[in-house]
C-alpha atoms as a PDB file:
ATOM      1  CA  UNK A   1     -78.076 -12.549   5.667  1.00  0.00           C
ATOM      2  CA  UNK A   2     -79.885 -13.475   8.907  1.00  0.00           C
ATOM      3  CA  UNK A   3     -79.811 -16.988  10.386  1.00  0.00           C
ATOM      4  CA  UNK A   4     -83.259 -17.896  11.679  1.00  0.00           C
ATOM      5  CA  UNK A   5     -84.428 -20.488  14.221  1.00  0.00           C
ATOM      6  CA  UNK A   6     -88.217 -20.897  13.896  1.00  0.00           C
ATOM      7  CA  UNK A   7     -89.988 -22.662  16.771  1.00  0.00           C
ATOM      8  CA  UNK A   8     -93.552 -23.598  15.858  1.00  0.00           C
ATOM      9  CA  UNK A   9     -94.453 -25.807  18.790  1.00  0.00           C
ATOM     10  CA  UNK A  10     -93.007 -28.244  21.297  1.00  0.00           C
ATOM     11  CA  UNK A  11     -91.932 -30.667  18.557  1.00  0.00           C
ATOM     12  CA  UNK A  12     -91.514 -28.550  15.428  1.00  0.00           C
ATOM     13  CA  UNK A  13     -88.638 -26.235  14.664  1.00  0.00           C
ATOM     14  CA  UNK A  14     -86.391 -25.528  11.710  1.00  0.00           C
ATOM     15  CA  UNK A  15     -83.398 -23.452  10.653  1.00  0.00           C
ATOM     16  CA  UNK A  16     -83.271 -21.171   7.661  1.00  0.00           C
ATOM     17  CA  UNK A  17     -81.593 -18.029   6.354  1.00  0.00           C
ATOM     18  CA  UNK A  18     -83.151 -14.846   5.022  1.00  0.00           C
ATOM     19  CA  UNK A  19     -81.586 -12.051   3.057  1.00  0.00           C
ATOM     20  CA  UNK A  20     -81.406  -8.803   4.928  1.00  0.00           C
ATOM     21  CA  UNK A  21     -80.129  -7.790   8.336  1.00  0.00           C
ATOM     22  CA  UNK A  22     -81.264  -9.621  11.474  1.00  0.00           C
ATOM     23  CA  UNK A  23     -82.589  -6.422  13.126  1.00  0.00           C
ATOM     24  CA  UNK A  24     -84.801  -5.650  10.137  1.00  0.00           C
ATOM     25  CA  UNK A  25     -86.209  -9.200  10.183  1.00  0.00           C
ATOM     26  CA  UNK A  26     -87.056  -8.890  13.902  1.00  0.00           C
ATOM     27  CA  UNK A  27     -88.825  -5.544  13.328  1.00  0.00           C
ATOM     28  CA  UNK A  28     -90.832  -6.939  10.415  1.00  0.00           C
ATOM     29  CA  UNK A  29     -92.010  -9.998  12.378  1.00  0.00           C
ATOM     30  CA  UNK A  30     -92.793  -8.059  15.556  1.00  0.00           C
ATOM     31  CA  UNK A  31     -94.866  -5.561  13.537  1.00  0.00           C
ATOM     32  CA  UNK A  32     -97.184  -8.414  12.545  1.00  0.00           C
ATOM     33  CA  UNK A  33     -95.772  -9.296   9.116  1.00  0.00           C
ATOM     34  CA  UNK A  34     -93.875 -12.364   8.044  1.00  0.00           C
ATOM     35  CA  UNK A  35     -91.257 -12.156   5.300  1.00  0.00           C
ATOM     36  CA  UNK A  36     -92.566 -13.891   2.159  1.00  0.00           C
ATOM     37  CA  UNK A  37     -89.465 -16.072   1.923  1.00  0.00           C
ATOM     38  CA  UNK A  38     -89.877 -17.407   5.486  1.00  0.00           C
ATOM     39  CA  UNK A  39     -91.211 -20.937   4.962  1.00  0.00           C
ATOM     40  CA  UNK A  40     -93.915 -20.990   7.651  1.00  0.00           C
ATOM     41  CA  UNK A  41     -96.610 -23.657   7.113  1.00  0.00           C
ATOM     42  CA  UNK A  42     -99.966 -22.111   6.056  1.00  0.00           C
ATOM     43  CA  UNK A  43    -101.802 -23.236   9.215  1.00  0.00           C
ATOM     44  CA  UNK A  44     -99.370 -21.210  11.341  1.00  0.00           C
ATOM     45  CA  UNK A  45     -98.954 -18.354   8.857  1.00  0.00           C
ATOM     46  CA  UNK A  46    -102.647 -17.518   8.738  1.00  0.00           C
ATOM     47  CA  UNK A  47    -102.773 -16.946  12.514  1.00  0.00           C
ATOM     48  CA  UNK A  48     -99.918 -14.471  12.172  1.00  0.00           C
ATOM     49  CA  UNK A  49     -99.041 -14.559  15.860  1.00  0.00           C
ATOM     50  CA  UNK A  50     -95.256 -14.618  15.916  1.00  0.00           C
ATOM     51  CA  UNK A  51     -92.682 -12.834  17.995  1.00  0.00           C
ATOM     52  CA  UNK A  52     -88.995 -12.530  17.271  1.00  0.00           C
ATOM     53  CA  UNK A  53     -85.881 -11.490  19.097  1.00  0.00           C
ATOM     54  CA  UNK A  54     -82.275 -11.151  18.072  1.00  0.00           C
ATOM     55  CA  UNK A  55     -79.214 -12.887  19.481  1.00  0.00           C
ATOM     56  CA  UNK A  56     -76.185 -11.541  17.637  1.00  0.00           C
ATOM     57  CA  UNK A  57     -76.725 -12.288  13.967  1.00  0.00           C
ATOM     58  CA  UNK A  58     -79.301 -14.968  14.747  1.00  0.00           C
ATOM     59  CA  UNK A  59     -83.044 -14.408  14.984  1.00  0.00           C
ATOM     60  CA  UNK A  60     -85.316 -16.597  17.105  1.00  0.00           C
ATOM     61  CA  UNK A  61     -88.913 -16.665  15.827  1.00  0.00           C
ATOM     62  CA  UNK A  62     -91.583 -18.187  18.059  1.00  0.00           C
ATOM     63  CA  UNK A  63     -95.231 -18.826  17.268  1.00  0.00           C
ATOM     64  CA  UNK A  64     -97.276 -17.066  19.969  1.00  0.00           C
ATOM     65  CA  UNK A  65     -99.830 -19.867  19.864  1.00  0.00           C
ATOM     66  CA  UNK A  66     -97.388 -21.625  22.180  1.00  0.00           C
ATOM     67  CA  UNK A  67     -97.594 -21.005  25.894  1.00  0.00           C
ATOM     68  CA  UNK A  68     -95.596 -17.909  26.828  1.00  0.00           C
ATOM     69  CA  UNK A  69     -93.233 -20.138  28.781  1.00  0.00           C
ATOM     70  CA  UNK A  70     -91.225 -20.894  25.621  1.00  0.00           C
ATOM     71  CA  UNK A  71     -90.290 -17.231  25.204  1.00  0.00           C
ATOM     72  CA  UNK A  72     -89.381 -16.810  28.872  1.00  0.00           C
ATOM     73  CA  UNK A  73     -87.450 -20.079  28.991  1.00  0.00           C
ATOM     74  CA  UNK A  74     -85.402 -19.222  25.907  1.00  0.00           C
ATOM     75  CA  UNK A  75     -84.706 -15.665  27.026  1.00  0.00           C
ATOM     76  CA  UNK A  76     -83.624 -16.631  30.531  1.00  0.00           C
ATOM     77  CA  UNK A  77     -80.166 -17.621  31.628  1.00  0.00           C
ATOM     78  CA  UNK A  78     -79.285 -21.016  33.029  1.00  0.00           C
ATOM     79  CA  UNK A  79     -81.116 -21.982  36.220  1.00  0.00           C
ATOM     80  CA  UNK A  80     -79.639 -20.553  39.428  1.00  0.00           C
ATOM     81  CA  UNK A  81     -76.458 -22.339  40.431  1.00  0.00           C
ATOM     82  CA  UNK A  82     -75.866 -23.857  36.969  1.00  0.00           C
ATOM     83  CA  UNK A  83     -72.992 -23.094  34.619  1.00  0.00           C
ATOM     84  CA  UNK A  84     -72.239 -24.138  31.055  1.00  0.00           C
ATOM     85  CA  UNK A  85     -69.563 -26.491  32.372  1.00  0.00           C
ATOM     86  CA  UNK A  86     -72.301 -28.487  34.151  1.00  0.00           C
ATOM     87  CA  UNK A  87     -73.027 -30.263  30.861  1.00  0.00           C
ATOM     88  CA  UNK A  88     -70.962 -33.412  30.459  1.00  0.00           C
ATOM     89  CA  UNK A  89     -69.453 -34.549  27.153  1.00  0.00           C
ATOM     90  CA  UNK A  90     -72.351 -36.869  26.251  1.00  0.00           C
ATOM     91  CA  UNK A  91     -74.947 -34.208  27.032  1.00  0.00           C
ATOM     92  CA  UNK A  92     -73.098 -31.767  24.789  1.00  0.00           C
ATOM     93  CA  UNK A  93     -72.919 -34.375  22.003  1.00  0.00           C
ATOM     94  CA  UNK A  94     -76.643 -35.161  22.305  1.00  0.00           C
ATOM     95  CA  UNK A  95     -77.501 -31.452  22.318  1.00  0.00           C
ATOM     96  CA  UNK A  96     -75.422 -30.824  19.183  1.00  0.00           C
ATOM     97  CA  UNK A  97     -76.990 -33.782  17.348  1.00  0.00           C
ATOM     98  CA  UNK A  98     -80.485 -32.588  18.345  1.00  0.00           C
ATOM     99  CA  UNK A  99     -79.544 -29.159  16.992  1.00  0.00           C
ATOM    100  CA  UNK A 100     -78.660 -30.822  13.681  1.00  0.00           C
ATOM    101  CA  UNK A 101     -82.201 -32.236  13.562  1.00  0.00           C
ATOM    102  CA  UNK A 102     -81.291 -35.852  14.324  1.00  0.00           C
ATOM    103  CA  UNK A 103     -83.888 -38.196  15.800  1.00  0.00           C
ATOM    104  CA  UNK A 104     -83.387 -40.053  19.086  1.00  0.00           C
ATOM    105  CA  UNK A 105     -82.779 -43.258  17.105  1.00  0.00           C
ATOM    106  CA  UNK A 106     -80.201 -41.552  14.851  1.00  0.00           C
ATOM    107  CA  UNK A 107     -78.406 -40.111  17.871  1.00  0.00           C
ATOM    108  CA  UNK A 108     -78.387 -43.499  19.600  1.00  0.00           C
ATOM    109  CA  UNK A 109     -76.946 -45.150  16.481  1.00  0.00           C
ATOM    110  CA  UNK A 110     -74.333 -42.433  16.043  1.00  0.00           C
ATOM    111  CA  UNK A 111     -73.178 -42.562  19.672  1.00  0.00           C
ATOM    112  CA  UNK A 112     -73.616 -46.333  19.933  1.00  0.00           C
ATOM    113  CA  UNK A 113     -76.025 -46.020  22.851  1.00  0.00           C
ATOM    114  CA  UNK A 114     -79.603 -47.132  23.435  1.00  0.00           C
ATOM    115  CA  UNK A 115     -82.566 -44.853  22.756  1.00  0.00           C
ATOM    116  CA  UNK A 116     -83.372 -45.114  26.462  1.00  0.00           C
ATOM    117  CA  UNK A 117     -79.935 -43.685  27.300  1.00  0.00           C
ATOM    118  CA  UNK A 118     -80.450 -40.834  24.823  1.00  0.00           C
ATOM    119  CA  UNK A 119     -83.801 -40.025  26.462  1.00  0.00           C
ATOM    120  CA  UNK A 120     -81.984 -39.991  29.821  1.00  0.00           C
ATOM    121  CA  UNK A 121     -79.487 -37.449  28.443  1.00  0.00           C
ATOM    122  CA  UNK A 122     -82.314 -35.309  27.036  1.00  0.00           C
ATOM    123  CA  UNK A 123     -84.058 -35.313  30.436  1.00  0.00           C
ATOM    124  CA  UNK A 124     -80.758 -34.344  32.045  1.00  0.00           C
ATOM    125  CA  UNK A 125     -80.322 -31.502  29.527  1.00  0.00           C
ATOM    126  CA  UNK A 126     -83.851 -30.263  30.243  1.00  0.00           C
ATOM    127  CA  UNK A 127     -83.133 -30.258  33.973  1.00  0.00           C
ATOM    128  CA  UNK A 128     -79.756 -28.527  33.669  1.00  0.00           C
ATOM    129  CA  UNK A 129     -80.969 -25.937  31.144  1.00  0.00           C
ATOM    130  CA  UNK A 130     -84.308 -25.280  32.839  1.00  0.00           C
ATOM    131  CA  UNK A 131     -86.306 -26.370  29.785  1.00  0.00           C
ATOM    132  CA  UNK A 132     -89.235 -28.735  29.226  1.00  0.00           C
ATOM    133  CA  UNK A 133     -88.462 -30.372  25.893  1.00  0.00           C
ATOM    134  CA  UNK A 134     -85.621 -31.259  23.552  1.00  0.00           C
ATOM    135  CA  UNK A 135     -86.715 -28.427  21.249  1.00  0.00           C
ATOM    136  CA  UNK A 136     -86.519 -25.855  24.041  1.00  0.00           C
ATOM    137  CA  UNK A 137     -83.089 -27.222  24.998  1.00  0.00           C
ATOM    138  CA  UNK A 138     -81.939 -26.768  21.398  1.00  0.00           C
ATOM    139  CA  UNK A 139     -83.173 -23.173  21.307  1.00  0.00           C
ATOM    140  CA  UNK A 140     -81.611 -22.324  24.636  1.00  0.00           C
ATOM    141  CA  UNK A 141     -78.416 -24.200  23.774  1.00  0.00           C
ATOM    142  CA  UNK A 142     -77.976 -22.142  20.611  1.00  0.00           C
ATOM    143  CA  UNK A 143     -78.724 -18.884  22.429  1.00  0.00           C
ATOM    144  CA  UNK A 144     -76.222 -19.681  25.178  1.00  0.00           C
ATOM    145  CA  UNK A 145     -73.567 -20.891  22.726  1.00  0.00           C
ATOM    146  CA  UNK A 146     -73.639 -24.478  23.984  1.00  0.00           C
ATOM    147  CA  UNK A 147     -74.129 -25.875  20.477  1.00  0.00           C
ATOM    148  CA  UNK A 148     -73.641 -24.672  16.918  1.00  0.00           C
ATOM    149  CA  UNK A 149     -76.458 -23.971  14.522  1.00  0.00           C
ATOM    150  CA  UNK A 150     -76.041 -26.152  11.425  1.00  0.00           C
ATOM    151  CA  UNK A 151     -75.634 -24.587   8.026  1.00  0.00           C
ATOM    152  CA  UNK A 152     -78.924 -24.402   6.099  1.00  0.00           C
ATOM    153  CA  UNK A 153     -79.294 -27.118   3.439  1.00  0.00           C
ATOM    154  CA  UNK A 154     -77.784 -26.357   0.072  1.00  0.00           C
ATOM    155  CA  UNK A 155     -80.532 -26.217  -2.560  1.00  0.00           C
ATOM    156  CA  UNK A 156     -78.058 -26.574  -5.418  1.00  0.00           C
ATOM    157  CA  UNK A 157     -78.544 -30.352  -5.416  1.00  0.00           C
END
């Protein structure tokens, strides 16, 4: 079973799982095919321009219609002079809640802060992680082990 992070564009990403080993999934996607059970919206699927890479048992899938910077940003380490301990507690909390798919409003309510403060923390995360959006910070945070990928939703009801 491979855990998959699919990044479609600057504002659209989702988590899923596919049967089969992660390495096999990466090979299939990089050969130009998409697994049938990978829930890619038709508009993206028909272009067929995806690349994938493996990080442990997780697979990152990125639509190549995005500027190449997403791939390079996610594959790179932290910016020079930065360490994982540079993130403060609130930044780590915001990053984890973003990873769980929460909106800025939901995060603000959960942490009892204003949406403006949450946006400040997201900007700080982007700066510290060398990313340009909350979605890129999520991808990089997962790759670097700064946050935990949530379990896929249970379809059993």
